[in-house]
Structures are given as structure tokens and as C-alpha cells.
Amino acid sequence: MKTTQPQYVPRKSGLMDFEPVSVDAARASLDELPHGMAAMLSNQYWEKVRRAPLATDRALTGRAMEWMGRLPAPLRPVITCERYARIVNSLAAAWGDPHARADCLEHLINDRRRGRRGFPPDVERELHQLARYASTLPR
């Protein structure tokens, strides 16, 4: 005697209605980019949103060079200087003000902009070292 299993029929709870979907359909929906994300990933989007590059984006300012010289040698963000001079210039400008310094480091380490990849691991490591060091400085 062959028994058939009863087909599952969801009950209405009155709270939320769910649409039954296959596992493949659920996976496919996760592969799709959220609304607006595809446009943000295109180069044209960032060209429109970013400000025009400045000379200080590509080279260290005198203030940044002095700041680097005052840092303990193991904490100097050498790799960040080579790749992202504008970031080191911003850090140097903010370093003397405890609030500005903390805000700058927090923004760099915890970037909340959507569609960003973050820094390479070696740059991120230097920023975290600077943040730890900055937390030991007087406020």
C-alpha cells in the first residue's frame, strides 16, 4: 500500500504574507544588486559625485610631512602616504584637535558610504595603528 504525504499548505496567520519561492529563486534574488547600487558602481556616477582632484590629493603638504616626522617611526603611515596622500593630509590637518582627529579616524575606519570596497589591508592596518595611538593622546 502506497501512502502519499500531504502537501504543505501554509496557514494564514494574519501577521505577514509570505510568497513561497524555490531555493534557486531566493539565491538569484540575492545575486541582484539593490536598487540604485548598479548606478553607484559605474565610473560615471563617481565622476559626477566626486570633487575635482586637487594638487594636495597626490602629494603631501608641508604640514603632513612635519606631522609624519613627529610620529614615532613604527606608526608612520608610509603605505598610506604612497597611495592616498590626500588622506594623510587630512589626518595631519585634524591631528592637533582631539575632536577633529577622532572624527577623521572614525570616518576613515568606519566608512558608511554605500558601494565602497574599503582600503587595502596594509592601509587599513596603518589607520588602525594610528587610531590606537591617538586614543592614548591627551584630549
Protein backbone atom coordinates (compact mmCIF):
# COMPACT_ATOMS: atom_id res chain seq x y z
CA MET A 1 0.00 0.00 0.00
CA LYS A 2 1.45 3.31 -1.11
CA THR A 3 0.97 6.31 1.15
CA THR A 4 1.20 9.82 -0.15
CA GLN A 5 2.46 12.59 2.01
CA PRO A 6 0.10 15.51 2.43
CA GLN A 7 1.21 18.64 0.62
CA TYR A 8 2.19 21.51 2.89
CA VAL A 9 -0.36 24.29 2.90
CA PRO A 10 0.66 27.39 4.86
CA ARG A 11 -1.89 28.74 7.30
CA LYS A 12 -2.83 32.39 7.29
CA SER A 13 -1.55 33.99 10.47
CA GLY A 14 -2.79 37.46 9.76
CA LEU A 15 0.66 38.91 10.51
CA MET A 16 2.62 38.75 7.27
CA ASP A 17 2.01 37.04 4.00
CA PHE A 18 4.94 35.18 2.53
CA GLU A 19 5.29 34.09 -1.03
CA PRO A 20 6.65 30.57 -1.42
CA VAL A 21 9.74 30.57 -3.66
CA SER A 22 12.27 27.99 -4.69
CA VAL A 23 15.78 27.96 -3.24
CA ASP A 24 17.16 28.83 -6.68
CA ALA A 25 14.87 31.86 -6.96
CA ALA A 26 15.90 33.03 -3.47
CA ARG A 27 19.60 32.70 -4.37
CA ALA A 28 19.07 34.58 -7.63
CA SER A 29 17.44 37.48 -5.79
CA LEU A 30 20.50 37.74 -3.52
CA ASP A 31 22.75 37.98 -6.56
CA GLU A 32 20.89 41.04 -7.83
CA LEU A 33 22.19 44.44 -6.78
CA PRO A 34 19.91 46.57 -4.59
CA HIS A 35 18.05 49.40 -6.29
CA GLY A 36 20.47 52.13 -7.36
CA MET A 37 23.60 50.14 -6.49
CA ALA A 38 24.45 49.31 -10.13
CA ALA A 39 24.50 53.02 -10.96
CA MET A 40 26.75 53.73 -7.97
CA LEU A 41 29.26 51.15 -9.12
CA SER A 42 29.69 52.73 -12.52
CA ASN A 43 32.59 55.11 -13.06
CA GLN A 44 30.29 57.81 -14.45
CA TYR A 45 28.45 58.04 -11.13
CA TRP A 46 31.62 58.70 -9.15
CA GLU A 47 32.91 61.19 -11.72
CA LYS A 48 29.74 63.24 -11.18
CA VAL A 49 29.77 63.00 -7.38
CA ARG A 50 33.45 63.49 -6.56
CA ARG A 51 35.03 66.89 -6.37
CA ALA A 52 37.72 67.78 -8.88
CA PRO A 53 41.17 66.49 -7.84
CA LEU A 54 43.48 68.97 -6.13
CA ALA A 55 47.27 69.03 -6.15
CA THR A 56 47.22 68.06 -2.45
CA ASP A 57 45.40 64.85 -3.36
CA ARG A 58 48.56 63.49 -4.96
CA ALA A 59 51.35 64.91 -2.78
CA LEU A 60 51.92 65.51 0.91
CA THR A 61 51.61 69.04 2.22
CA GLY A 62 54.36 70.56 4.36
CA ARG A 63 52.10 70.16 7.39
CA ALA A 64 51.68 66.44 6.64
CA MET A 65 55.45 65.96 6.25
CA GLU A 66 56.05 67.66 9.61
CA TRP A 67 53.32 65.56 11.23
CA MET A 68 54.88 62.37 9.84
CA GLY A 69 58.25 63.41 11.27
CA ARG A 70 56.76 63.88 14.74
CA LEU A 71 55.09 60.45 14.78
CA PRO A 72 57.01 57.53 16.25
CA ALA A 73 58.73 55.79 13.32
CA PRO A 74 56.78 52.48 13.59
CA LEU A 75 53.47 54.40 13.41
CA ARG A 76 54.20 56.45 10.31
CA PRO A 77 51.63 55.59 7.64
CA VAL A 78 54.16 55.20 4.82
CA ILE A 79 51.99 52.99 2.60
CA THR A 80 49.01 55.30 3.06
CA CYS A 81 51.22 58.25 2.04
CA GLU A 82 52.26 56.49 -1.13
CA ARG A 83 48.74 55.51 -2.15
CA TYR A 84 46.47 58.11 -0.54
CA ALA A 85 48.34 61.35 0.12
CA ARG A 86 45.02 63.23 0.48
CA ILE A 87 44.12 61.07 3.48
CA VAL A 88 47.42 61.72 5.23
CA ASN A 89 46.98 65.43 4.51
CA SER A 90 43.53 65.31 6.14
CA LEU A 91 44.85 63.42 9.15
CA ALA A 92 47.72 65.88 9.60
CA ALA A 93 45.33 68.83 9.41
CA ALA A 94 43.00 67.29 12.01
CA TRP A 95 45.64 65.83 14.34
CA GLY A 96 46.04 68.86 16.61
CA ASP A 97 42.33 68.98 17.51
CA PRO A 98 41.27 65.89 19.52
CA HIS A 99 37.66 66.01 18.26
CA ALA A 100 38.64 66.54 14.63
CA ARG A 101 41.30 63.80 14.91
CA ALA A 102 38.79 61.32 16.37
CA ASP A 103 36.16 62.21 13.74
CA CYS A 104 38.65 61.87 10.90
CA LEU A 105 39.93 58.48 12.06
CA GLU A 106 36.42 57.21 12.79
CA HIS A 107 35.25 58.21 9.31
CA LEU A 108 38.25 56.56 7.64
CA ILE A 109 37.99 53.32 9.59
CA ASN A 110 34.17 53.06 9.61
CA ASP A 111 33.19 54.43 6.23
CA ARG A 112 29.41 54.19 5.91
CA ARG A 113 29.12 55.15 2.27
CA ARG A 114 27.40 52.52 0.19
CA GLY A 115 29.14 50.74 -2.63
CA ARG A 116 32.68 51.23 -1.30
CA ARG A 117 35.28 48.48 -1.08
CA GLY A 118 37.32 49.98 1.73
CA PHE A 119 41.08 50.30 1.96
CA PRO A 120 43.64 47.64 1.16
CA PRO A 121 44.61 45.63 4.28
CA ASP A 122 48.01 47.29 4.71
CA VAL A 123 46.49 50.80 4.62
CA GLU A 124 43.70 49.72 6.97
CA ARG A 125 46.32 48.33 9.36
CA GLU A 126 48.17 51.67 9.40
CA LEU A 127 44.93 53.56 10.09
CA HIS A 128 44.07 51.24 12.98
CA GLN A 129 47.56 51.69 14.45
CA LEU A 130 47.14 55.46 14.26
CA ALA A 131 43.72 55.23 15.91
CA ARG A 132 45.12 53.15 18.78
CA TYR A 133 47.96 55.63 19.21
CA ALA A 134 45.58 58.60 19.04
CA SER A 135 43.45 57.06 21.81
CA THR A 136 46.46 57.33 24.15
CA LEU A 137 46.96 61.06 23.49
CA PRO A 138 45.55 63.70 25.84
CA ARG A 139 42.17 65.09 24.93
